[in-house]
PDB file of all heavy atoms in Angstrom:
ATOM      1  N   TRP A   1     -12.467 -25.004  -5.735  1.00  0.00           N
ATOM      2  CA  TRP A   1     -13.346 -23.840  -5.612  1.00  0.00           C
ATOM      3  C   TRP A   1     -13.173 -23.111  -4.315  1.00  0.00           C
ATOM      4  O   TRP A   1     -13.276 -21.896  -4.247  1.00  0.00           O
ATOM      5  CB  TRP A   1     -14.776 -24.238  -5.837  1.00  0.00           C
ATOM      6  CG  TRP A   1     -14.954 -25.077  -7.044  1.00  0.00           C
ATOM      7  CD1 TRP A   1     -15.237 -26.411  -7.177  1.00  0.00           C
ATOM      8  CD2 TRP A   1     -14.773 -24.536  -8.397  1.00  0.00           C
ATOM      9  NE1 TRP A   1     -15.283 -26.774  -8.497  1.00  0.00           N
ATOM     10  CE2 TRP A   1     -15.021 -25.634  -9.255  1.00  0.00           C
ATOM     11  CE3 TRP A   1     -14.534 -23.305  -8.928  1.00  0.00           C
ATOM     12  CZ2 TRP A   1     -14.996 -25.485 -10.633  1.00  0.00           C
ATOM     13  CZ3 TRP A   1     -14.450 -23.158 -10.333  1.00  0.00           C
ATOM     14  CH2 TRP A   1     -14.686 -24.245 -11.203  1.00  0.00           C
ATOM     15  N   VAL A   2     -12.858 -23.831  -3.239  1.00  0.00           N
ATOM     16  CA  VAL A   2     -12.509 -23.179  -1.967  1.00  0.00           C
ATOM     17  C   VAL A   2     -11.212 -22.366  -2.121  1.00  0.00           C
ATOM     18  O   VAL A   2     -11.155 -21.176  -1.615  1.00  0.00           O
ATOM     19  CB  VAL A   2     -12.296 -24.219  -0.874  1.00  0.00           C
ATOM     20  CG1 VAL A   2     -11.857 -23.569   0.428  1.00  0.00           C
ATOM     21  CG2 VAL A   2     -13.646 -25.024  -0.611  1.00  0.00           C
ATOM     22  N   GLY A   3     -10.268 -22.926  -2.828  1.00  0.00           N
ATOM     23  CA  GLY A   3      -9.035 -22.195  -3.060  1.00  0.00           C
ATOM     24  C   GLY A   3      -9.246 -20.939  -3.886  1.00  0.00           C
ATOM     25  O   GLY A   3      -8.622 -19.879  -3.612  1.00  0.00           O
ATOM     26  N   TYR A   4     -10.157 -21.018  -4.922  1.00  0.00           N
ATOM     27  CA  TYR A   4     -10.421 -19.834  -5.732  1.00  0.00           C
ATOM     28  C   TYR A   4     -11.061 -18.787  -4.857  1.00  0.00           C
ATOM     29  O   TYR A   4     -10.686 -17.563  -4.929  1.00  0.00           O
ATOM     30  CB  TYR A   4     -11.366 -20.212  -6.807  1.00  0.00           C
ATOM     31  CG  TYR A   4     -10.709 -20.244  -8.250  1.00  0.00           C
ATOM     32  CD1 TYR A   4     -10.631 -21.411  -8.931  1.00  0.00           C
ATOM     33  CD2 TYR A   4     -10.146 -19.070  -8.756  1.00  0.00           C
ATOM     34  CE1 TYR A   4      -9.988 -21.462 -10.182  1.00  0.00           C
ATOM     35  CE2 TYR A   4      -9.552 -19.136 -10.012  1.00  0.00           C
ATOM     36  CZ  TYR A   4      -9.500 -20.342 -10.734  1.00  0.00           C
ATOM     37  OH  TYR A   4      -8.889 -20.348 -11.953  1.00  0.00           O
ATOM     38  N   ARG A   5     -12.014 -19.153  -4.045  1.00  0.00           N
ATOM     39  CA  ARG A   5     -12.696 -18.155  -3.209  1.00  0.00           C
ATOM     40  C   ARG A   5     -11.700 -17.463  -2.245  1.00  0.00           C
ATOM     41  O   ARG A   5     -11.686 -16.279  -2.119  1.00  0.00           O
ATOM     42  CB  ARG A   5     -13.834 -18.903  -2.371  1.00  0.00           C
ATOM     43  CG  ARG A   5     -14.589 -17.934  -1.394  1.00  0.00           C
ATOM     44  CD  ARG A   5     -15.206 -18.767  -0.335  1.00  0.00           C
ATOM     45  NE  ARG A   5     -14.238 -19.412   0.549  1.00  0.00           N
ATOM     46  CZ  ARG A   5     -14.560 -20.386   1.417  1.00  0.00           C
ATOM     47  NH1 ARG A   5     -15.793 -20.843   1.499  1.00  0.00           N
ATOM     48  NH2 ARG A   5     -13.606 -20.930   2.180  1.00  0.00           N
ATOM     49  N   ASN A   6     -10.887 -18.256  -1.594  1.00  0.00           N
ATOM     50  CA  ASN A   6      -9.876 -17.698  -0.660  1.00  0.00           C
ATOM     51  C   ASN A   6      -8.946 -16.779  -1.386  1.00  0.00           C
ATOM     52  O   ASN A   6      -8.626 -15.707  -0.871  1.00  0.00           O
ATOM     53  CB  ASN A   6      -9.162 -18.835   0.052  1.00  0.00           C
ATOM     54  CG  ASN A   6     -10.007 -19.604   0.980  1.00  0.00           C
ATOM     55  OD1 ASN A   6     -11.100 -19.175   1.445  1.00  0.00           O
ATOM     56  ND2 ASN A   6      -9.620 -20.876   1.287  1.00  0.00           N
ATOM     57  N   THR A   7      -8.386 -17.231  -2.500  1.00  0.00           N
ATOM     58  CA  THR A   7      -7.446 -16.382  -3.228  1.00  0.00           C
ATOM     59  C   THR A   7      -8.054 -15.054  -3.701  1.00  0.00           C
ATOM     60  O   THR A   7      -7.430 -14.007  -3.588  1.00  0.00           O
ATOM     61  CB  THR A   7      -6.896 -17.178  -4.417  1.00  0.00           C
ATOM     62  OG1 THR A   7      -6.103 -18.305  -3.954  1.00  0.00           O
ATOM     63  CG2 THR A   7      -5.972 -16.233  -5.286  1.00  0.00           C
ATOM     64  N   ILE A   8      -9.262 -15.077  -4.106  1.00  0.00           N
ATOM     65  CA  ILE A   8      -9.970 -13.919  -4.514  1.00  0.00           C
ATOM     66  C   ILE A   8     -10.067 -12.929  -3.352  1.00  0.00           C
ATOM     67  O   ILE A   8      -9.798 -11.713  -3.391  1.00  0.00           O
ATOM     68  CB  ILE A   8     -11.361 -14.158  -5.102  1.00  0.00           C
ATOM     69  CG1 ILE A   8     -11.177 -14.853  -6.486  1.00  0.00           C
ATOM     70  CG2 ILE A   8     -12.160 -12.869  -5.300  1.00  0.00           C
ATOM     71  CD1 ILE A   8     -12.517 -15.348  -7.040  1.00  0.00           C
ATOM     72  N   ILE A   9     -10.411 -13.423  -2.191  1.00  0.00           N
ATOM     73  CA  ILE A   9     -10.572 -12.621  -0.976  1.00  0.00           C
ATOM     74  C   ILE A   9      -9.194 -12.092  -0.552  1.00  0.00           C
ATOM     75  O   ILE A   9      -9.025 -10.861  -0.302  1.00  0.00           O
ATOM     76  CB  ILE A   9     -11.119 -13.444   0.161  1.00  0.00           C
ATOM     77  CG1 ILE A   9     -12.615 -13.797  -0.133  1.00  0.00           C
ATOM     78  CG2 ILE A   9     -11.083 -12.704   1.539  1.00  0.00           C
ATOM     79  CD1 ILE A   9     -13.286 -14.794   0.859  1.00  0.00           C
ATOM     80  N   TYR A  10      -8.151 -12.940  -0.531  1.00  0.00           N
ATOM     81  CA  TYR A  10      -6.817 -12.472  -0.145  1.00  0.00           C
ATOM     82  C   TYR A  10      -6.305 -11.505  -1.141  1.00  0.00           C
ATOM     83  O   TYR A  10      -5.669 -10.529  -0.759  1.00  0.00           O
ATOM     84  CB  TYR A  10      -5.896 -13.666  -0.076  1.00  0.00           C
ATOM     85  CG  TYR A  10      -6.256 -14.767   0.909  1.00  0.00           C
ATOM     86  CD1 TYR A  10      -5.803 -16.048   0.742  1.00  0.00           C
ATOM     87  CD2 TYR A  10      -6.971 -14.485   2.046  1.00  0.00           C
ATOM     88  CE1 TYR A  10      -6.121 -17.096   1.701  1.00  0.00           C
ATOM     89  CE2 TYR A  10      -7.333 -15.430   2.965  1.00  0.00           C
ATOM     90  CZ  TYR A  10      -6.860 -16.759   2.790  1.00  0.00           C
ATOM     91  OH  TYR A  10      -7.156 -17.724   3.693  1.00  0.00           O
ATOM     92  N   THR A  11      -6.569 -11.661  -2.402  1.00  0.00           N
ATOM     93  CA  THR A  11      -6.008 -10.728  -3.414  1.00  0.00           C
ATOM     94  C   THR A  11      -6.721  -9.377  -3.339  1.00  0.00           C
ATOM     95  O   THR A  11      -6.027  -8.350  -3.302  1.00  0.00           O
ATOM     96  CB  THR A  11      -6.288 -11.320  -4.814  1.00  0.00           C
ATOM     97  OG1 THR A  11      -5.511 -12.554  -4.947  1.00  0.00           O
ATOM     98  CG2 THR A  11      -5.772 -10.392  -5.858  1.00  0.00           C
ATOM     99  N   ILE A  12      -8.012  -9.352  -3.184  1.00  0.00           N
ATOM    100  CA  ILE A  12      -8.763  -8.070  -3.129  1.00  0.00           C
ATOM    101  C   ILE A  12      -8.363  -7.300  -1.896  1.00  0.00           C
ATOM    102  O   ILE A  12      -7.901  -6.071  -1.994  1.00  0.00           O
ATOM    103  CB  ILE A  12     -10.265  -8.316  -3.141  1.00  0.00           C
ATOM    104  CG1 ILE A  12     -10.689  -8.817  -4.524  1.00  0.00           C
ATOM    105  CG2 ILE A  12     -11.012  -7.036  -2.795  1.00  0.00           C
ATOM    106  CD1 ILE A  12     -12.138  -9.265  -4.588  1.00  0.00           C
ATOM    107  N   PHE A  13      -8.440  -7.936  -0.726  1.00  0.00           N
ATOM    108  CA  PHE A  13      -8.156  -7.170   0.529  1.00  0.00           C
ATOM    109  C   PHE A  13      -6.655  -6.921   0.755  1.00  0.00           C
ATOM    110  O   PHE A  13      -6.253  -5.927   1.218  1.00  0.00           O
ATOM    111  CB  PHE A  13      -8.796  -7.919   1.710  1.00  0.00           C
ATOM    112  CG  PHE A  13     -10.266  -7.819   1.739  1.00  0.00           C
ATOM    113  CD1 PHE A  13     -11.057  -8.876   1.297  1.00  0.00           C
ATOM    114  CD2 PHE A  13     -10.924  -6.663   2.231  1.00  0.00           C
ATOM    115  CE1 PHE A  13     -12.467  -8.875   1.341  1.00  0.00           C
ATOM    116  CE2 PHE A  13     -12.291  -6.672   2.250  1.00  0.00           C
ATOM    117  CZ  PHE A  13     -13.078  -7.660   1.804  1.00  0.00           C
ATOM    118  N   GLY A  14      -5.859  -7.867   0.307  1.00  0.00           N
ATOM    119  CA  GLY A  14      -4.433  -7.714   0.412  1.00  0.00           C
ATOM    120  C   GLY A  14      -3.909  -6.544  -0.493  1.00  0.00           C
ATOM    121  O   GLY A  14      -3.071  -5.802  -0.079  1.00  0.00           O
ATOM    122  N   THR A  15      -4.506  -6.453  -1.705  1.00  0.00           N
ATOM    123  CA  THR A  15      -4.092  -5.360  -2.627  1.00  0.00           C
ATOM    124  C   THR A  15      -4.599  -4.045  -2.074  1.00  0.00           C
ATOM    125  O   THR A  15      -3.784  -3.076  -2.154  1.00  0.00           O
ATOM    126  CB  THR A  15      -4.695  -5.654  -3.980  1.00  0.00           C
ATOM    127  OG1 THR A  15      -4.286  -6.954  -4.508  1.00  0.00           O
ATOM    128  CG2 THR A  15      -4.349  -4.569  -4.986  1.00  0.00           C
ATOM    129  N   LEU A  16      -5.797  -3.968  -1.537  1.00  0.00           N
ATOM    130  CA  LEU A  16      -6.248  -2.779  -0.963  1.00  0.00           C
ATOM    131  C   LEU A  16      -5.384  -2.369   0.220  1.00  0.00           C
ATOM    132  O   LEU A  16      -5.058  -1.147   0.422  1.00  0.00           O
ATOM    133  CB  LEU A  16      -7.699  -2.934  -0.422  1.00  0.00           C
ATOM    134  CG  LEU A  16      -8.769  -2.926  -1.502  1.00  0.00           C
ATOM    135  CD1 LEU A  16     -10.141  -3.305  -0.891  1.00  0.00           C
ATOM    136  CD2 LEU A  16      -8.870  -1.620  -2.243  1.00  0.00           C
ATOM    137  N   TYR A  17      -4.899  -3.321   0.999  1.00  0.00           N
ATOM    138  CA  TYR A  17      -4.016  -3.033   2.136  1.00  0.00           C
ATOM    139  C   TYR A  17      -2.714  -2.420   1.602  1.00  0.00           C
ATOM    140  O   TYR A  17      -2.238  -1.419   2.235  1.00  0.00           O
ATOM    141  CB  TYR A  17      -3.720  -4.407   2.847  1.00  0.00           C
ATOM    142  CG  TYR A  17      -2.675  -4.326   3.961  1.00  0.00           C
ATOM    143  CD1 TYR A  17      -2.912  -3.737   5.178  1.00  0.00           C
ATOM    144  CD2 TYR A  17      -1.457  -4.916   3.686  1.00  0.00           C
ATOM    145  CE1 TYR A  17      -1.991  -3.749   6.131  1.00  0.00           C
ATOM    146  CE2 TYR A  17      -0.485  -4.973   4.661  1.00  0.00           C
ATOM    147  CZ  TYR A  17      -0.732  -4.312   5.899  1.00  0.00           C
ATOM    148  OH  TYR A  17       0.228  -4.385   6.836  1.00  0.00           O
ATOM    149  N   ASN A  18      -2.170  -2.904   0.519  1.00  0.00           N
ATOM    150  CA  ASN A  18      -0.926  -2.405  -0.033  1.00  0.00           C
ATOM    151  C   ASN A  18      -1.125  -1.018  -0.592  1.00  0.00           C
ATOM    152  O   ASN A  18      -0.287  -0.148  -0.374  1.00  0.00           O
ATOM    153  CB  ASN A  18      -0.443  -3.350  -1.143  1.00  0.00           C
ATOM    154  CG  ASN A  18       0.042  -4.697  -0.655  1.00  0.00           C
ATOM    155  OD1 ASN A  18      -0.305  -5.713  -1.201  1.00  0.00           O
ATOM    156  ND2 ASN A  18       0.818  -4.715   0.418  1.00  0.00           N
ATOM    157  N   LEU A  19      -2.273  -0.806  -1.288  1.00  0.00           N
ATOM    158  CA  LEU A  19      -2.509   0.504  -1.820  1.00  0.00           C
ATOM    159  C   LEU A  19      -2.720   1.562  -0.756  1.00  0.00           C
ATOM    160  O   LEU A  19      -2.225   2.702  -0.930  1.00  0.00           O
ATOM    161  CB  LEU A  19      -3.773   0.434  -2.756  1.00  0.00           C
ATOM    162  CG  LEU A  19      -3.630  -0.439  -3.997  1.00  0.00           C
ATOM    163  CD1 LEU A  19      -4.945  -0.383  -4.813  1.00  0.00           C
ATOM    164  CD2 LEU A  19      -2.532   0.086  -4.915  1.00  0.00           C
ATOM    165  N   VAL A  20      -3.485   1.239   0.232  1.00  0.00           N
ATOM    166  CA  VAL A  20      -3.771   2.202   1.292  1.00  0.00           C
ATOM    167  C   VAL A  20      -2.513   2.635   2.022  1.00  0.00           C
ATOM    168  O   VAL A  20      -2.365   3.847   2.483  1.00  0.00           O
ATOM    169  CB  VAL A  20      -4.780   1.588   2.290  1.00  0.00           C
ATOM    170  CG1 VAL A  20      -4.858   2.422   3.579  1.00  0.00           C
ATOM    171  CG2 VAL A  20      -6.129   1.535   1.693  1.00  0.00           C
ATOM    172  N   LEU A  21      -1.541   1.779   2.111  1.00  0.00           N
ATOM    173  CA  LEU A  21      -0.262   2.157   2.748  1.00  0.00           C
ATOM    174  C   LEU A  21       0.724   2.762   1.833  1.00  0.00           C
ATOM    175  O   LEU A  21       1.440   3.696   2.177  1.00  0.00           O
ATOM    176  CB  LEU A  21       0.367   0.899   3.439  1.00  0.00           C
ATOM    177  CG  LEU A  21      -0.364   0.220   4.591  1.00  0.00           C
ATOM    178  CD1 LEU A  21       0.342  -1.009   5.077  1.00  0.00           C
ATOM    179  CD2 LEU A  21      -0.570   1.202   5.720  1.00  0.00           C
ATOM    180  N   THR A  22       0.805   2.321   0.548  1.00  0.00           N
ATOM    181  CA  THR A  22       1.812   2.722  -0.331  1.00  0.00           C
ATOM    182  C   THR A  22       1.525   4.145  -0.915  1.00  0.00           C
ATOM    183  O   THR A  22       2.455   4.972  -0.981  1.00  0.00           O
ATOM    184  CB  THR A  22       1.975   1.742  -1.449  1.00  0.00           C
ATOM    185  OG1 THR A  22       2.308   0.441  -0.967  1.00  0.00           O
ATOM    186  CG2 THR A  22       3.077   2.172  -2.449  1.00  0.00           C
ATOM    187  N   ILE A  23       0.310   4.388  -1.337  1.00  0.00           N
ATOM    188  CA  ILE A  23       0.018   5.607  -2.056  1.00  0.00           C
ATOM    189  C   ILE A  23       0.171   6.871  -1.117  1.00  0.00           C
ATOM    190  O   ILE A  23       0.831   7.848  -1.531  1.00  0.00           O
ATOM    191  CB  ILE A  23      -1.384   5.599  -2.633  1.00  0.00           C
ATOM    192  CG1 ILE A  23      -1.430   4.483  -3.731  1.00  0.00           C
ATOM    193  CG2 ILE A  23      -1.828   6.890  -3.216  1.00  0.00           C
ATOM    194  CD1 ILE A  23      -2.821   4.255  -4.318  1.00  0.00           C
ATOM    195  N   PRO A  24      -0.374   6.940   0.066  1.00  0.00           N
ATOM    196  CA  PRO A  24      -0.136   8.080   0.938  1.00  0.00           C
ATOM    197  C   PRO A  24       1.367   8.213   1.272  1.00  0.00           C
ATOM    198  O   PRO A  24       1.855   9.381   1.351  1.00  0.00           O
ATOM    199  CB  PRO A  24      -0.943   7.734   2.203  1.00  0.00           C
ATOM    200  CG  PRO A  24      -1.982   6.765   1.785  1.00  0.00           C
ATOM    201  CD  PRO A  24      -1.348   5.995   0.688  1.00  0.00           C
ATOM    202  N   ALA A  25       2.061   7.093   1.529  1.00  0.00           N
ATOM    203  CA  ALA A  25       3.483   7.179   1.820  1.00  0.00           C
ATOM    204  C   ALA A  25       4.262   7.781   0.620  1.00  0.00           C
ATOM    205  O   ALA A  25       5.145   8.637   0.854  1.00  0.00           O
ATOM    206  CB  ALA A  25       4.108   5.793   2.208  1.00  0.00           C
ATOM    207  N   ALA A  26       3.892   7.368  -0.556  1.00  0.00           N
ATOM    208  CA  ALA A  26       4.630   7.879  -1.704  1.00  0.00           C
ATOM    209  C   ALA A  26       4.283   9.353  -1.914  1.00  0.00           C
ATOM    210  O   ALA A  26       5.191  10.165  -2.330  1.00  0.00           O
ATOM    211  CB  ALA A  26       4.180   7.128  -2.962  1.00  0.00           C
ATOM    212  N   TYR A  27       3.084   9.770  -1.661  1.00  0.00           N
ATOM    213  CA  TYR A  27       2.693  11.200  -1.765  1.00  0.00           C
ATOM    214  C   TYR A  27       3.500  12.075  -0.811  1.00  0.00           C
ATOM    215  O   TYR A  27       4.063  13.092  -1.188  1.00  0.00           O
ATOM    216  CB  TYR A  27       1.252  11.352  -1.492  1.00  0.00           C
ATOM    217  CG  TYR A  27       0.739  12.807  -1.474  1.00  0.00           C
ATOM    218  CD1 TYR A  27       0.586  13.506  -2.614  1.00  0.00           C
ATOM    219  CD2 TYR A  27       0.540  13.442  -0.285  1.00  0.00           C
ATOM    220  CE1 TYR A  27       0.185  14.897  -2.663  1.00  0.00           C
ATOM    221  CE2 TYR A  27       0.158  14.804  -0.256  1.00  0.00           C
ATOM    222  CZ  TYR A  27      -0.042  15.513  -1.433  1.00  0.00           C
ATOM    223  OH  TYR A  27      -0.426  16.805  -1.416  1.00  0.00           O
ATOM    224  N   VAL A  28       3.614  11.542   0.429  1.00  0.00           N
ATOM    225  CA  VAL A  28       4.447  12.277   1.392  1.00  0.00           C
ATOM    226  C   VAL A  28       5.866  12.408   0.942  1.00  0.00           C
ATOM    227  O   VAL A  28       6.541  13.440   1.066  1.00  0.00           O
ATOM    228  CB  VAL A  28       4.318  11.677   2.844  1.00  0.00           C
ATOM    229  CG1 VAL A  28       5.283  12.317   3.780  1.00  0.00           C
ATOM    230  CG2 VAL A  28       2.866  11.797   3.324  1.00  0.00           C
ATOM    231  N   MET A  29       6.451  11.244   0.475  1.00  0.00           N
ATOM    232  CA  MET A  29       7.864  11.210   0.100  1.00  0.00           C
ATOM    233  C   MET A  29       8.084  12.038  -1.153  1.00  0.00           C
ATOM    234  O   MET A  29       9.254  12.423  -1.359  1.00  0.00           O
ATOM    235  CB  MET A  29       8.265   9.761  -0.143  1.00  0.00           C
ATOM    236  CG  MET A  29       8.246   8.887   1.086  1.00  0.00           C
ATOM    237  SD  MET A  29       9.356   9.487   2.423  1.00  0.00           S
ATOM    238  CE  MET A  29      10.886   9.334   1.545  1.00  0.00           C
ATOM    239  N   SER A  30       7.065  12.336  -1.895  1.00  0.00           N
ATOM    240  CA  SER A  30       7.294  13.185  -3.126  1.00  0.00           C
ATOM    241  C   SER A  30       7.499  14.639  -2.786  1.00  0.00           C
ATOM    242  O   SER A  30       7.862  15.434  -3.605  1.00  0.00           O
ATOM    243  CB  SER A  30       6.101  12.992  -4.057  1.00  0.00           C
ATOM    244  OG  SER A  30       4.884  13.562  -3.540  1.00  0.00           O
ATOM    245  N   LYS A  31       7.070  15.038  -1.562  1.00  0.00           N
ATOM    246  CA  LYS A  31       7.272  16.450  -1.212  1.00  0.00           C
ATOM    247  C   LYS A  31       8.757  16.702  -0.782  1.00  0.00           C
ATOM    248  O   LYS A  31       9.273  16.004   0.088  1.00  0.00           O
ATOM    249  CB  LYS A  31       6.329  16.762   0.050  1.00  0.00           C
ATOM    250  CG  LYS A  31       4.911  16.550  -0.255  1.00  0.00           C
ATOM    251  CD  LYS A  31       4.369  17.490  -1.361  1.00  0.00           C
ATOM    252  CE  LYS A  31       2.931  17.280  -1.702  1.00  0.00           C
ATOM    253  NZ  LYS A  31       2.426  18.169  -2.777  1.00  0.00           N
ATOM    254  N   ARG A  32       9.333  17.694  -1.328  1.00  0.00           N
ATOM    255  CA  ARG A  32      10.744  17.937  -1.138  1.00  0.00           C
ATOM    256  C   ARG A  32      11.023  18.552   0.207  1.00  0.00           C
ATOM    257  O   ARG A  32      12.168  18.534   0.682  1.00  0.00           O
ATOM    258  CB  ARG A  32      11.299  18.866  -2.231  1.00  0.00           C
ATOM    259  CG  ARG A  32      11.113  18.297  -3.648  1.00  0.00           C
ATOM    260  CD  ARG A  32      11.762  19.102  -4.703  1.00  0.00           C
ATOM    261  NE  ARG A  32      11.517  18.597  -6.069  1.00  0.00           N
ATOM    262  CZ  ARG A  32      12.080  17.557  -6.620  1.00  0.00           C
ATOM    263  NH1 ARG A  32      13.029  16.890  -5.949  1.00  0.00           N
ATOM    264  NH2 ARG A  32      11.760  17.184  -7.843  1.00  0.00           N
ATOM    265  N   ASN A  33      10.039  19.190   0.852  1.00  0.00           N
ATOM    266  CA  ASN A  33      10.279  19.791   2.117  1.00  0.00           C
ATOM    267  C   ASN A  33       9.795  18.966   3.320  1.00  0.00           C
ATOM    268  O   ASN A  33       9.637  19.519   4.414  1.00  0.00           O
ATOM    269  CB  ASN A  33       9.562  21.167   2.185  1.00  0.00           C
ATOM    270  CG  ASN A  33       8.071  21.069   1.952  1.00  0.00           C
ATOM    271  OD1 ASN A  33       7.574  19.992   1.523  1.00  0.00           O
ATOM    272  ND2 ASN A  33       7.299  22.158   2.174  1.00  0.00           N
ATOM    273  N   VAL A  34       9.573  17.671   3.081  1.00  0.00           N
ATOM    274  CA  VAL A  34       9.085  16.846   4.198  1.00  0.00           C
ATOM    275  C   VAL A  34      10.227  16.639   5.188  1.00  0.00           C
ATOM    276  O   VAL A  34      11.330  16.393   4.838  1.00  0.00           O
ATOM    277  CB  VAL A  34       8.577  15.481   3.721  1.00  0.00           C
ATOM    278  CG1 VAL A  34       9.696  14.676   3.060  1.00  0.00           C
ATOM    279  CG2 VAL A  34       7.958  14.637   4.825  1.00  0.00           C
ATOM    280  N   PRO A  35       9.946  16.815   6.538  1.00  0.00           N
ATOM    281  CA  PRO A  35      11.024  16.647   7.543  1.00  0.00           C
ATOM    282  C   PRO A  35      11.601  15.215   7.537  1.00  0.00           C
ATOM    283  O   PRO A  35      10.864  14.252   7.421  1.00  0.00           O
ATOM    284  CB  PRO A  35      10.285  16.934   8.817  1.00  0.00           C
ATOM    285  CG  PRO A  35       9.096  17.778   8.455  1.00  0.00           C
ATOM    286  CD  PRO A  35       8.681  17.272   7.115  1.00  0.00           C
ATOM    287  N   PHE A  36      12.940  15.125   7.618  1.00  0.00           N
ATOM    288  CA  PHE A  36      13.602  13.855   7.673  1.00  0.00           C
ATOM    289  C   PHE A  36      13.262  12.994   6.438  1.00  0.00           C
ATOM    290  O   PHE A  36      13.273  11.805   6.488  1.00  0.00           O
ATOM    291  CB  PHE A  36      13.259  13.061   8.939  1.00  0.00           C
ATOM    292  CG  PHE A  36      13.458  13.851  10.144  1.00  0.00           C
ATOM    293  CD1 PHE A  36      12.382  14.330  10.924  1.00  0.00           C
ATOM    294  CD2 PHE A  36      14.711  14.166  10.638  1.00  0.00           C
ATOM    295  CE1 PHE A  36      12.497  15.054  12.079  1.00  0.00           C
ATOM    296  CE2 PHE A  36      14.891  14.908  11.803  1.00  0.00           C
ATOM    297  CZ  PHE A  36      13.793  15.314  12.526  1.00  0.00           C
ATOM    298  N   GLY A  37      13.046  13.632   5.285  1.00  0.00           N
ATOM    299  CA  GLY A  37      12.677  12.903   4.060  1.00  0.00           C
ATOM    300  C   GLY A  37      13.744  11.908   3.651  1.00  0.00           C
ATOM    301  O   GLY A  37      13.432  10.754   3.244  1.00  0.00           O
ATOM    302  N   LYS A  38      14.999  12.335   3.678  1.00  0.00           N
ATOM    303  CA  LYS A  38      16.084  11.487   3.207  1.00  0.00           C
ATOM    304  C   LYS A  38      16.225  10.250   4.152  1.00  0.00           C
ATOM    305  O   LYS A  38      16.481   9.155   3.692  1.00  0.00           O
ATOM    306  CB  LYS A  38      17.383  12.223   3.146  1.00  0.00           C
ATOM    307  CG  LYS A  38      17.417  13.235   1.995  1.00  0.00           C
ATOM    308  CD  LYS A  38      18.837  13.909   1.872  1.00  0.00           C
ATOM    309  CE  LYS A  38      18.861  14.805   0.699  1.00  0.00           C
ATOM    310  NZ  LYS A  38      20.200  15.473   0.577  1.00  0.00           N
ATOM    311  N   ALA A  39      16.099  10.551   5.484  1.00  0.00           N
ATOM    312  CA  ALA A  39      16.244   9.428   6.440  1.00  0.00           C
ATOM    313  C   ALA A  39      15.160   8.387   6.225  1.00  0.00           C
ATOM    314  O   ALA A  39      15.340   7.211   6.288  1.00  0.00           O
ATOM    315  CB  ALA A  39      16.222   9.999   7.825  1.00  0.00           C
ATOM    316  N   ILE A  40      13.915   8.885   6.030  1.00  0.00           N
ATOM    317  CA  ILE A  40      12.756   8.008   5.816  1.00  0.00           C
ATOM    318  C   ILE A  40      12.994   7.156   4.550  1.00  0.00           C
ATOM    319  O   ILE A  40      12.671   5.970   4.498  1.00  0.00           O
ATOM    320  CB  ILE A  40      11.457   8.799   5.748  1.00  0.00           C
ATOM    321  CG1 ILE A  40      11.209   9.475   7.085  1.00  0.00           C
ATOM    322  CG2 ILE A  40      10.231   7.863   5.395  1.00  0.00           C
ATOM    323  CD1 ILE A  40       9.980  10.398   7.117  1.00  0.00           C
TER     324      ILE A  40
END
């Protein structure tokens, strides 16, 4: 039960961490006129 609790916490906050970083980065990269887009 300790493992279940920890995994739920790690999954929720870890997934939020991934989403908060990935979605804005993908939005910026989707813009064709972003500076240094190809290099990034």
